[in-house]
Amino acid sequence: MDLKNILIITRKELRDAMHNRWLLLYSISFTGLASAIGWLALSEASAYGSVGFGRTAASLINLIILIVPLMGLTLGALSMAGERERGSLLYILSQPISKSEIIAGKYIGLSLALMGTLVLGFGISGLLIYIQGGGVQVADYTLLIGITFLLALITLSLGFFLSSLTNKSSTATGLALFTWLLLIFLTDLGLMGTALVLKLQAKEIFLLTLINPLQVFKITSILVLRSNLEVLGPGGIYAIRSYGENLFSILITIMLFLIILPILVANIIEVSREDT
């Protein structure tokens, strides 16, 4: 692949992102809600004393699970499908550039745009948490931002995969929203229901959680903030006892795998398509 072509597409994607109504909406929503959590921490601290970083971070984790996957899925789903529907993909391909280079450039550009949104939201929220007097545990907070970015990349990759399956942006958006709802359902509530119906053991419950990237993110974040997973019940206790200090590395490896696999499959599908 030609790095120059990839950088050209990346710059184009970043310029387009500045005018993307979806990204603008997500940026305002995430920054506003994250800031609200920091402000509530400030208000609670004023009334009852320092509330500590852990409780505020737990609220941030729940916010991340709801919003960040929706951001990545919809932006990724609109990537190739939107270009195909507008006919601009054919024009780009008439230039000396390959589909793999287009995908790489668009993926990097959208990744940088998502990173900017996350840094803005976390930055304002972290500032407000710091103001509330308890202070921010900088290392843990930075690590939480990094894990959140990995979640954004996972869902962005899934969005690209969905985009490679359709020619219409409306269909791609519908698939993205359905996938988001499915992933949300298969978090705690859906997992508990499945465990009860199938009478799963602790080991099986933990392995089942690793299928859902939202659960992998949640486990990793709690492990970073609390250094144990007892709050997750039998599955969390089993994970700590079975994998110990290696658990964090295993979870990060799974997240990296979930980033790479969908985008590689999307690239294979796009390259094999004959309609563009």
C-alpha atoms as a PDB file:
ATOM      1  CA  MET A   1       0.000   0.000   0.000  1.00  0.00           C
ATOM      2  CA  ASP A   2       1.105   3.541  -0.762  1.00  0.00           C
ATOM      3  CA  LEU A   3       1.479   5.567   2.446  1.00  0.00           C
ATOM      4  CA  LYS A   4       1.028   8.831   0.535  1.00  0.00           C
ATOM      5  CA  ASN A   5      -2.399   7.738  -0.739  1.00  0.00           C
ATOM      6  CA  ILE A   6      -3.419   6.675   2.766  1.00  0.00           C
ATOM      7  CA  LEU A   7      -2.427  10.059   4.201  1.00  0.00           C
ATOM      8  CA  ILE A   8      -4.399  11.873   1.485  1.00  0.00           C
ATOM      9  CA  ILE A   9      -7.545   9.898   2.357  1.00  0.00           C
ATOM     10  CA  THR A  10      -6.880  10.437   6.078  1.00  0.00           C
ATOM     11  CA  ARG A  11      -6.717  14.214   5.640  1.00  0.00           C
ATOM     12  CA  LYS A  12      -9.894  14.128   3.544  1.00  0.00           C
ATOM     13  CA  GLU A  13     -11.668  12.097   6.231  1.00  0.00           C
ATOM     14  CA  LEU A  14     -10.606  14.520   8.954  1.00  0.00           C
ATOM     15  CA  ARG A  15     -11.922  17.475   6.912  1.00  0.00           C
ATOM     16  CA  ASP A  16     -15.191  15.640   6.319  1.00  0.00           C
ATOM     17  CA  ALA A  17     -15.432  14.786  10.032  1.00  0.00           C
ATOM     18  CA  MET A  18     -15.492  18.482  10.899  1.00  0.00           C
ATOM     19  CA  HIS A  19     -18.756  18.786   8.932  1.00  0.00           C
ATOM     20  CA  ASN A  20     -20.198  15.418   9.962  1.00  0.00           C
ATOM     21  CA  ARG A  21     -23.475  16.022  11.819  1.00  0.00           C
ATOM     22  CA  TRP A  22     -23.314  12.599  13.488  1.00  0.00           C
ATOM     23  CA  LEU A  23     -19.846  13.236  14.886  1.00  0.00           C
ATOM     24  CA  LEU A  24     -20.811  16.743  15.998  1.00  0.00           C
ATOM     25  CA  LEU A  25     -23.871  15.370  17.813  1.00  0.00           C
ATOM     26  CA  TYR A  26     -21.843  12.637  19.480  1.00  0.00           C
ATOM     27  CA  SER A  27     -19.111  15.091  20.483  1.00  0.00           C
ATOM     28  CA  ILE A  28     -21.611  17.456  22.111  1.00  0.00           C
ATOM     29  CA  SER A  29     -23.468  14.589  23.823  1.00  0.00           C
ATOM     30  CA  PHE A  30     -20.399  12.811  25.164  1.00  0.00           C
ATOM     31  CA  THR A  31     -18.661  15.996  26.284  1.00  0.00           C
ATOM     32  CA  GLY A  32     -21.846  17.341  27.862  1.00  0.00           C
ATOM     33  CA  LEU A  33     -22.697  14.152  29.746  1.00  0.00           C
ATOM     34  CA  ALA A  34     -19.115  13.505  30.846  1.00  0.00           C
ATOM     35  CA  SER A  35     -18.893  17.099  32.076  1.00  0.00           C
ATOM     36  CA  ALA A  36     -22.210  16.683  33.887  1.00  0.00           C
ATOM     37  CA  ILE A  37     -20.812  13.682  35.750  1.00  0.00           C
ATOM     38  CA  GLY A  38     -17.802  15.748  36.800  1.00  0.00           C
ATOM     39  CA  TRP A  39     -20.062  18.627  37.853  1.00  0.00           C
ATOM     40  CA  LEU A  40     -22.297  16.319  39.898  1.00  0.00           C
ATOM     41  CA  ALA A  41     -19.172  15.014  41.616  1.00  0.00           C
ATOM     42  CA  LEU A  42     -18.295  18.631  42.401  1.00  0.00           C
ATOM     43  CA  SER A  43     -21.777  19.339  43.782  1.00  0.00           C
ATOM     44  CA  GLU A  44     -21.855  16.169  45.876  1.00  0.00           C
ATOM     45  CA  ALA A  45     -18.405  16.877  47.241  1.00  0.00           C
ATOM     46  CA  SER A  46     -19.518  20.379  48.284  1.00  0.00           C
ATOM     47  CA  ALA A  47     -22.444  18.928  50.215  1.00  0.00           C
ATOM     48  CA  TYR A  48     -20.973  15.727  51.671  1.00  0.00           C
ATOM     49  CA  GLY A  49     -17.214  16.059  51.323  1.00  0.00           C
ATOM     50  CA  SER A  50     -14.959  14.355  48.789  1.00  0.00           C
ATOM     51  CA  VAL A  51     -16.737  11.575  46.901  1.00  0.00           C
ATOM     52  CA  GLY A  52     -13.550   9.979  45.600  1.00  0.00           C
ATOM     53  CA  PHE A  53     -12.462   9.177  42.085  1.00  0.00           C
ATOM     54  CA  GLY A  54     -13.766   5.601  42.005  1.00  0.00           C
ATOM     55  CA  ARG A  55     -17.484   6.403  42.183  1.00  0.00           C
ATOM     56  CA  THR A  56     -17.213   9.091  39.526  1.00  0.00           C
ATOM     57  CA  ALA A  57     -15.194   6.797  37.256  1.00  0.00           C
ATOM     58  CA  ALA A  58     -17.862   4.100  37.656  1.00  0.00           C
ATOM     59  CA  SER A  59     -20.461   6.548  36.335  1.00  0.00           C
ATOM     60  CA  LEU A  60     -18.160   7.378  33.436  1.00  0.00           C
ATOM     61  CA  ILE A  61     -17.852   3.659  32.566  1.00  0.00           C
ATOM     62  CA  ASN A  62     -21.640   3.343  32.261  1.00  0.00           C
ATOM     63  CA  LEU A  63     -21.738   6.455  30.059  1.00  0.00           C
ATOM     64  CA  ILE A  64     -18.946   5.093  27.867  1.00  0.00           C
ATOM     65  CA  ILE A  65     -20.712   1.759  27.369  1.00  0.00           C
ATOM     66  CA  LEU A  66     -23.817   3.564  26.110  1.00  0.00           C
ATOM     67  CA  ILE A  67     -22.358   6.284  23.874  1.00  0.00           C
ATOM     68  CA  VAL A  68     -18.921   5.255  22.585  1.00  0.00           C
ATOM     69  CA  PRO A  69     -20.070   2.036  20.832  1.00  0.00           C
ATOM     70  CA  LEU A  70     -22.872   3.982  19.147  1.00  0.00           C
ATOM     71  CA  MET A  71     -20.321   6.521  17.916  1.00  0.00           C
ATOM     72  CA  GLY A  72     -17.971   3.920  16.470  1.00  0.00           C
ATOM     73  CA  LEU A  73     -20.657   1.733  14.913  1.00  0.00           C
ATOM     74  CA  THR A  74     -22.563   4.486  13.116  1.00  0.00           C
ATOM     75  CA  LEU A  75     -19.496   6.351  11.883  1.00  0.00           C
ATOM     76  CA  GLY A  76     -17.944   3.132  10.620  1.00  0.00           C
ATOM     77  CA  ALA A  77     -21.191   1.963   9.027  1.00  0.00           C
ATOM     78  CA  LEU A  78     -21.551   5.217   7.086  1.00  0.00           C
ATOM     79  CA  SER A  79     -17.950   5.143   5.846  1.00  0.00           C
ATOM     80  CA  MET A  80     -17.851   2.966   2.735  1.00  0.00           C
ATOM     81  CA  ALA A  81     -21.630   2.641   2.283  1.00  0.00           C
ATOM     82  CA  GLY A  82     -22.013   6.417   2.230  1.00  0.00           C
ATOM     83  CA  GLU A  83     -19.258   6.826  -0.359  1.00  0.00           C
ATOM     84  CA  ARG A  84     -20.783   4.059  -2.451  1.00  0.00           C
ATOM     85  CA  GLU A  85     -24.297   5.518  -2.312  1.00  0.00           C
ATOM     86  CA  ARG A  86     -23.108   9.013  -3.291  1.00  0.00           C
ATOM     87  CA  GLY A  87     -21.042   7.596  -6.153  1.00  0.00           C
ATOM     88  CA  SER A  88     -17.879   9.232  -4.815  1.00  0.00           C
ATOM     89  CA  LEU A  89     -16.221   5.855  -4.267  1.00  0.00           C
ATOM     90  CA  LEU A  90     -16.181   5.233  -8.021  1.00  0.00           C
ATOM     91  CA  TYR A  91     -14.560   8.615  -8.577  1.00  0.00           C
ATOM     92  CA  ILE A  92     -11.879   7.952  -5.953  1.00  0.00           C
ATOM     93  CA  LEU A  93     -11.156   4.530  -7.429  1.00  0.00           C
ATOM     94  CA  SER A  94     -10.655   6.112 -10.855  1.00  0.00           C
ATOM     95  CA  GLN A  95      -7.481   7.570  -9.359  1.00  0.00           C
ATOM     96  CA  PRO A  96      -4.332   5.464  -8.830  1.00  0.00           C
ATOM     97  CA  ILE A  97      -5.487   4.204  -5.437  1.00  0.00           C
ATOM     98  CA  SER A  98      -6.676   0.842  -4.129  1.00  0.00           C
ATOM     99  CA  LYS A  99      -9.650  -0.019  -1.936  1.00  0.00           C
ATOM    100  CA  SER A 100      -7.319  -1.168   0.825  1.00  0.00           C
ATOM    101  CA  GLU A 101      -5.679   2.259   0.847  1.00  0.00           C
ATOM    102  CA  ILE A 102      -9.084   3.951   0.969  1.00  0.00           C
ATOM    103  CA  ILE A 103     -10.189   1.785   3.900  1.00  0.00           C
ATOM    104  CA  ALA A 104      -6.924   2.370   5.761  1.00  0.00           C
ATOM    105  CA  GLY A 105      -7.096   6.135   5.222  1.00  0.00           C
ATOM    106  CA  LYS A 106     -10.746   6.397   6.240  1.00  0.00           C
ATOM    107  CA  TYR A 107     -10.194   4.197   9.275  1.00  0.00           C
ATOM    108  CA  ILE A 108      -7.237   6.251  10.496  1.00  0.00           C
ATOM    109  CA  GLY A 109      -9.081   9.520   9.868  1.00  0.00           C
ATOM    110  CA  LEU A 110     -12.191   8.427  11.757  1.00  0.00           C
ATOM    111  CA  SER A 111     -10.023   7.002  14.551  1.00  0.00           C
ATOM    112  CA  LEU A 112      -8.333  10.377  15.005  1.00  0.00           C
ATOM    113  CA  ALA A 113     -11.715  12.133  14.964  1.00  0.00           C
ATOM    114  CA  LEU A 114     -13.025   9.773  17.652  1.00  0.00           C
ATOM    115  CA  MET A 115      -9.881  10.288  19.695  1.00  0.00           C
ATOM    116  CA  GLY A 116     -10.417  14.044  19.569  1.00  0.00           C
ATOM    117  CA  THR A 117     -13.984  13.641  20.814  1.00  0.00           C
ATOM    118  CA  LEU A 118     -12.917  11.367  23.676  1.00  0.00           C
ATOM    119  CA  VAL A 119     -10.021  13.582  24.734  1.00  0.00           C
ATOM    120  CA  LEU A 120     -12.319  16.624  24.796  1.00  0.00           C
ATOM    121  CA  GLY A 121     -14.968  14.861  26.882  1.00  0.00           C
ATOM    122  CA  PHE A 122     -12.524  13.238  29.278  1.00  0.00           C
ATOM    123  CA  GLY A 123     -10.463  16.409  29.553  1.00  0.00           C
ATOM    124  CA  ILE A 124     -13.358  18.595  30.705  1.00  0.00           C
ATOM    125  CA  SER A 125     -14.732  15.871  32.972  1.00  0.00           C
ATOM    126  CA  GLY A 126     -11.311  15.218  34.498  1.00  0.00           C
ATOM    127  CA  LEU A 127     -10.847  18.915  35.162  1.00  0.00           C
ATOM    128  CA  LEU A 128     -14.177  19.121  36.986  1.00  0.00           C
ATOM    129  CA  ILE A 129     -13.391  15.978  38.989  1.00  0.00           C
ATOM    130  CA  TYR A 130     -10.073  17.528  39.994  1.00  0.00           C
ATOM    131  CA  ILE A 131     -11.795  20.735  41.057  1.00  0.00           C
ATOM    132  CA  GLN A 132     -14.077  18.792  43.421  1.00  0.00           C
ATOM    133  CA  GLY A 133     -11.110  18.379  45.729  1.00  0.00           C
ATOM    134  CA  GLY A 134     -10.553  14.643  45.817  1.00  0.00           C
ATOM    135  CA  GLY A 135      -8.138  14.815  42.913  1.00  0.00           C
ATOM    136  CA  VAL A 136      -7.906  12.606  39.861  1.00  0.00           C
ATOM    137  CA  GLN A 137      -5.753   9.473  39.895  1.00  0.00           C
ATOM    138  CA  VAL A 138      -3.937  10.500  36.751  1.00  0.00           C
ATOM    139  CA  ALA A 139      -2.469   7.096  35.861  1.00  0.00           C
ATOM    140  CA  ASP A 140      -5.787   5.261  36.252  1.00  0.00           C
ATOM    141  CA  TYR A 141      -7.710   8.017  34.464  1.00  0.00           C
ATOM    142  CA  THR A 142      -5.265   8.010  31.546  1.00  0.00           C
ATOM    143  CA  LEU A 143      -5.490   4.231  31.346  1.00  0.00           C
ATOM    144  CA  LEU A 144      -9.298   4.480  31.308  1.00  0.00           C
ATOM    145  CA  ILE A 145      -9.063   6.880  28.347  1.00  0.00           C
ATOM    146  CA  GLY A 146      -6.792   4.429  26.535  1.00  0.00           C
ATOM    147  CA  ILE A 147      -9.146   1.488  27.142  1.00  0.00           C
ATOM    148  CA  THR A 148     -12.083   3.616  25.981  1.00  0.00           C
ATOM    149  CA  PHE A 149     -10.210   4.420  22.782  1.00  0.00           C
ATOM    150  CA  LEU A 150      -9.703   0.683  22.210  1.00  0.00           C
ATOM    151  CA  LEU A 151     -13.474   0.194  22.597  1.00  0.00           C
ATOM    152  CA  ALA A 152     -14.064   2.981  20.072  1.00  0.00           C
ATOM    153  CA  LEU A 153     -11.700   1.270  17.611  1.00  0.00           C
ATOM    154  CA  ILE A 154     -13.441  -2.091  18.104  1.00  0.00           C
ATOM    155  CA  THR A 155     -16.861  -0.670  17.311  1.00  0.00           C
ATOM    156  CA  LEU A 156     -15.436   1.406  14.441  1.00  0.00           C
ATOM    157  CA  SER A 157     -14.038  -1.812  12.953  1.00  0.00           C
ATOM    158  CA  LEU A 158     -17.423  -3.491  13.371  1.00  0.00           C
ATOM    159  CA  GLY A 159     -19.013  -0.483  11.663  1.00  0.00           C
ATOM    160  CA  PHE A 160     -16.662  -0.848   8.683  1.00  0.00           C
ATOM    161  CA  PHE A 161     -17.588  -4.525   8.489  1.00  0.00           C
ATOM    162  CA  LEU A 162     -21.301  -3.661   8.415  1.00  0.00           C
ATOM    163  CA  SER A 163     -20.615  -0.963   5.817  1.00  0.00           C
ATOM    164  CA  SER A 164     -18.963  -3.509   3.544  1.00  0.00           C
ATOM    165  CA  LEU A 165     -22.155  -5.580   3.482  1.00  0.00           C
ATOM    166  CA  THR A 166     -24.482  -2.972   1.965  1.00  0.00           C
ATOM    167  CA  ASN A 167     -24.721  -0.272  -0.699  1.00  0.00           C
ATOM    168  CA  LYS A 168     -27.043   2.110   1.160  1.00  0.00           C
ATOM    169  CA  SER A 169     -26.170   4.299   4.103  1.00  0.00           C
ATOM    170  CA  SER A 170     -29.666   3.902   5.582  1.00  0.00           C
ATOM    171  CA  THR A 171     -29.311   0.133   5.635  1.00  0.00           C
ATOM    172  CA  ALA A 172     -25.823   0.399   7.136  1.00  0.00           C
ATOM    173  CA  THR A 173     -27.117   2.752   9.834  1.00  0.00           C
ATOM    174  CA  GLY A 174     -29.959   0.353  10.641  1.00  0.00           C
ATOM    175  CA  LEU A 175     -27.512  -2.535  10.976  1.00  0.00           C
ATOM    176  CA  ALA A 176     -25.303  -0.398  13.216  1.00  0.00           C
ATOM    177  CA  LEU A 177     -28.184   0.516  15.523  1.00  0.00           C
ATOM    178  CA  PHE A 178     -29.340  -3.115  15.694  1.00  0.00           C
ATOM    179  CA  THR A 179     -25.794  -4.246  16.555  1.00  0.00           C
ATOM    180  CA  TRP A 180     -25.558  -1.550  19.225  1.00  0.00           C
ATOM    181  CA  LEU A 181     -28.843  -2.642  20.813  1.00  0.00           C
ATOM    182  CA  LEU A 182     -27.756  -6.280  20.685  1.00  0.00           C
ATOM    183  CA  LEU A 183     -24.440  -5.536  22.383  1.00  0.00           C
ATOM    184  CA  ILE A 184     -26.181  -3.429  25.049  1.00  0.00           C
ATOM    185  CA  PHE A 185     -28.716  -6.207  25.684  1.00  0.00           C
ATOM    186  CA  LEU A 186     -25.965  -8.803  26.028  1.00  0.00           C
ATOM    187  CA  THR A 187     -24.295  -6.907  28.870  1.00  0.00           C
ATOM    188  CA  ASP A 188     -25.287  -7.518  32.501  1.00  0.00           C
ATOM    189  CA  LEU A 189     -29.054  -8.036  32.090  1.00  0.00           C
ATOM    190  CA  GLY A 190     -28.861 -10.347  29.089  1.00  0.00           C
ATOM    191  CA  LEU A 191     -25.904 -12.208  30.567  1.00  0.00           C
ATOM    192  CA  MET A 192     -27.710 -12.851  33.842  1.00  0.00           C
ATOM    193  CA  GLY A 193     -30.781 -14.116  32.008  1.00  0.00           C
ATOM    194  CA  THR A 194     -28.697 -16.429  29.831  1.00  0.00           C
ATOM    195  CA  ALA A 195     -26.800 -17.731  32.864  1.00  0.00           C
ATOM    196  CA  LEU A 196     -30.034 -18.494  34.717  1.00  0.00           C
ATOM    197  CA  VAL A 197     -31.737 -20.198  31.778  1.00  0.00           C
ATOM    198  CA  LEU A 198     -28.722 -22.302  30.797  1.00  0.00           C
ATOM    199  CA  LYS A 199     -27.544 -22.805  34.424  1.00  0.00           C
ATOM    200  CA  LEU A 200     -24.013 -21.752  33.543  1.00  0.00           C
ATOM    201  CA  GLN A 201     -21.021 -22.165  35.842  1.00  0.00           C
ATOM    202  CA  ALA A 202     -18.672 -19.303  36.768  1.00  0.00           C
ATOM    203  CA  LYS A 203     -16.121 -20.324  34.120  1.00  0.00           C
ATOM    204  CA  GLU A 204     -18.767 -20.441  31.391  1.00  0.00           C
ATOM    205  CA  ILE A 205     -20.183 -17.064  32.461  1.00  0.00           C
ATOM    206  CA  PHE A 206     -16.753 -15.455  32.242  1.00  0.00           C
ATOM    207  CA  LEU A 207     -15.973 -16.974  28.842  1.00  0.00           C
ATOM    208  CA  LEU A 208     -19.369 -15.815  27.575  1.00  0.00           C
ATOM    209  CA  THR A 209     -18.615 -12.241  28.601  1.00  0.00           C
ATOM    210  CA  LEU A 210     -15.489 -12.246  26.429  1.00  0.00           C
ATOM    211  CA  ILE A 211     -17.659 -12.464  23.291  1.00  0.00           C
ATOM    212  CA  ASN A 212     -19.107  -9.007  23.921  1.00  0.00           C
ATOM    213  CA  PRO A 213     -16.571  -6.161  23.500  1.00  0.00           C
ATOM    214  CA  LEU A 214     -18.625  -3.970  25.843  1.00  0.00           C
ATOM    215  CA  GLN A 215     -18.217  -6.538  28.608  1.00  0.00           C
ATOM    216  CA  VAL A 216     -14.510  -6.909  27.877  1.00  0.00           C
ATOM    217  CA  PHE A 217     -14.166  -3.132  28.209  1.00  0.00           C
ATOM    218  CA  LYS A 218     -16.150  -3.103  31.452  1.00  0.00           C
ATOM    219  CA  ILE A 219     -14.089  -5.904  33.010  1.00  0.00           C
ATOM    220  CA  THR A 220     -10.825  -4.235  31.970  1.00  0.00           C
ATOM    221  CA  SER A 221     -11.907  -0.845  33.321  1.00  0.00           C
ATOM    222  CA  ILE A 222     -13.059  -2.247  36.667  1.00  0.00           C
ATOM    223  CA  LEU A 223      -9.816  -4.201  36.950  1.00  0.00           C
ATOM    224  CA  VAL A 224      -7.853  -0.973  36.423  1.00  0.00           C
ATOM    225  CA  LEU A 225      -9.908   1.075  38.890  1.00  0.00           C
ATOM    226  CA  ARG A 226     -10.487  -1.513  41.644  1.00  0.00           C
ATOM    227  CA  SER A 227      -7.728  -4.113  41.058  1.00  0.00           C
ATOM    228  CA  ASN A 228     -10.319  -6.859  41.607  1.00  0.00           C
ATOM    229  CA  LEU A 229     -13.513  -8.112  39.985  1.00  0.00           C
ATOM    230  CA  GLU A 230     -15.559  -9.175  43.016  1.00  0.00           C
ATOM    231  CA  VAL A 231     -18.202  -6.610  42.041  1.00  0.00           C
ATOM    232  CA  LEU A 232     -18.914  -8.752  38.937  1.00  0.00           C
ATOM    233  CA  GLY A 233     -19.861 -11.779  41.011  1.00  0.00           C
ATOM    234  CA  PRO A 234     -18.819 -15.424  40.435  1.00  0.00           C
ATOM    235  CA  GLY A 235     -17.506 -14.779  36.922  1.00  0.00           C
ATOM    236  CA  GLY A 236     -15.223 -11.987  38.128  1.00  0.00           C
ATOM    237  CA  ILE A 237     -13.951 -13.998  41.089  1.00  0.00           C
ATOM    238  CA  TYR A 238     -13.236 -16.950  38.800  1.00  0.00           C
ATOM    239  CA  ALA A 239     -11.308 -14.709  36.382  1.00  0.00           C
ATOM    240  CA  ILE A 240      -9.067 -13.281  39.126  1.00  0.00           C
ATOM    241  CA  ARG A 241      -8.399 -16.676  40.696  1.00  0.00           C
ATOM    242  CA  SER A 242      -7.715 -18.367  37.358  1.00  0.00           C
ATOM    243  CA  TYR A 243      -5.630 -15.763  35.541  1.00  0.00           C
ATOM    244  CA  GLY A 244      -4.310 -13.512  38.308  1.00  0.00           C
ATOM    245  CA  GLU A 245      -1.865 -10.845  37.149  1.00  0.00           C
ATOM    246  CA  ASN A 246      -2.082 -12.064  33.544  1.00  0.00           C
ATOM    247  CA  LEU A 247      -5.768 -11.130  33.277  1.00  0.00           C
ATOM    248  CA  PHE A 248      -5.161  -7.522  32.213  1.00  0.00           C
ATOM    249  CA  SER A 249      -2.819  -8.589  29.392  1.00  0.00           C
ATOM    250  CA  ILE A 250      -5.312 -11.216  28.241  1.00  0.00           C
ATOM    251  CA  LEU A 251      -8.149  -8.689  28.120  1.00  0.00           C
ATOM    252  CA  ILE A 252      -6.074  -6.135  26.184  1.00  0.00           C
ATOM    253  CA  THR A 253      -5.046  -8.860  23.715  1.00  0.00           C
ATOM    254  CA  ILE A 254      -8.710  -9.757  23.181  1.00  0.00           C
ATOM    255  CA  MET A 255      -9.551  -6.101  22.541  1.00  0.00           C
ATOM    256  CA  LEU A 256      -6.737  -5.792  19.990  1.00  0.00           C
ATOM    257  CA  PHE A 257      -7.961  -8.951  18.270  1.00  0.00           C
ATOM    258  CA  LEU A 258     -11.500  -7.537  18.134  1.00  0.00           C
ATOM    259  CA  ILE A 259     -10.096  -4.410  16.474  1.00  0.00           C
ATOM    260  CA  ILE A 260      -8.078  -6.207  13.824  1.00  0.00           C
ATOM    261  CA  LEU A 261     -10.437  -9.026  12.787  1.00  0.00           C
ATOM    262  CA  PRO A 262     -13.516  -7.017  11.636  1.00  0.00           C
ATOM    263  CA  ILE A 263     -11.493  -4.453   9.669  1.00  0.00           C
ATOM    264  CA  LEU A 264      -9.525  -7.221   7.936  1.00  0.00           C
ATOM    265  CA  VAL A 265     -12.758  -9.014   7.007  1.00  0.00           C
ATOM    266  CA  ALA A 266     -14.238  -5.715   5.809  1.00  0.00           C
ATOM    267  CA  ASN A 267     -11.192  -5.147   3.623  1.00  0.00           C
ATOM    268  CA  ILE A 268     -11.481  -8.642   2.115  1.00  0.00           C
ATOM    269  CA  ILE A 269     -15.182  -8.111   1.356  1.00  0.00           C
ATOM    270  CA  GLU A 270     -14.600  -4.671  -0.170  1.00  0.00           C
ATOM    271  CA  VAL A 271     -11.744  -5.844  -2.370  1.00  0.00           C
ATOM    272  CA  SER A 272     -13.811  -8.779  -3.642  1.00  0.00           C
ATOM    273  CA  ARG A 273     -16.873  -6.638  -4.462  1.00  0.00           C
ATOM    274  CA  GLU A 274     -17.516  -6.190  -8.181  1.00  0.00           C
ATOM    275  CA  ASP A 275     -20.061  -3.343  -7.935  1.00  0.00           C
ATOM    276  CA  THR A 276     -17.368  -0.680  -7.395  1.00  0.00           C
END
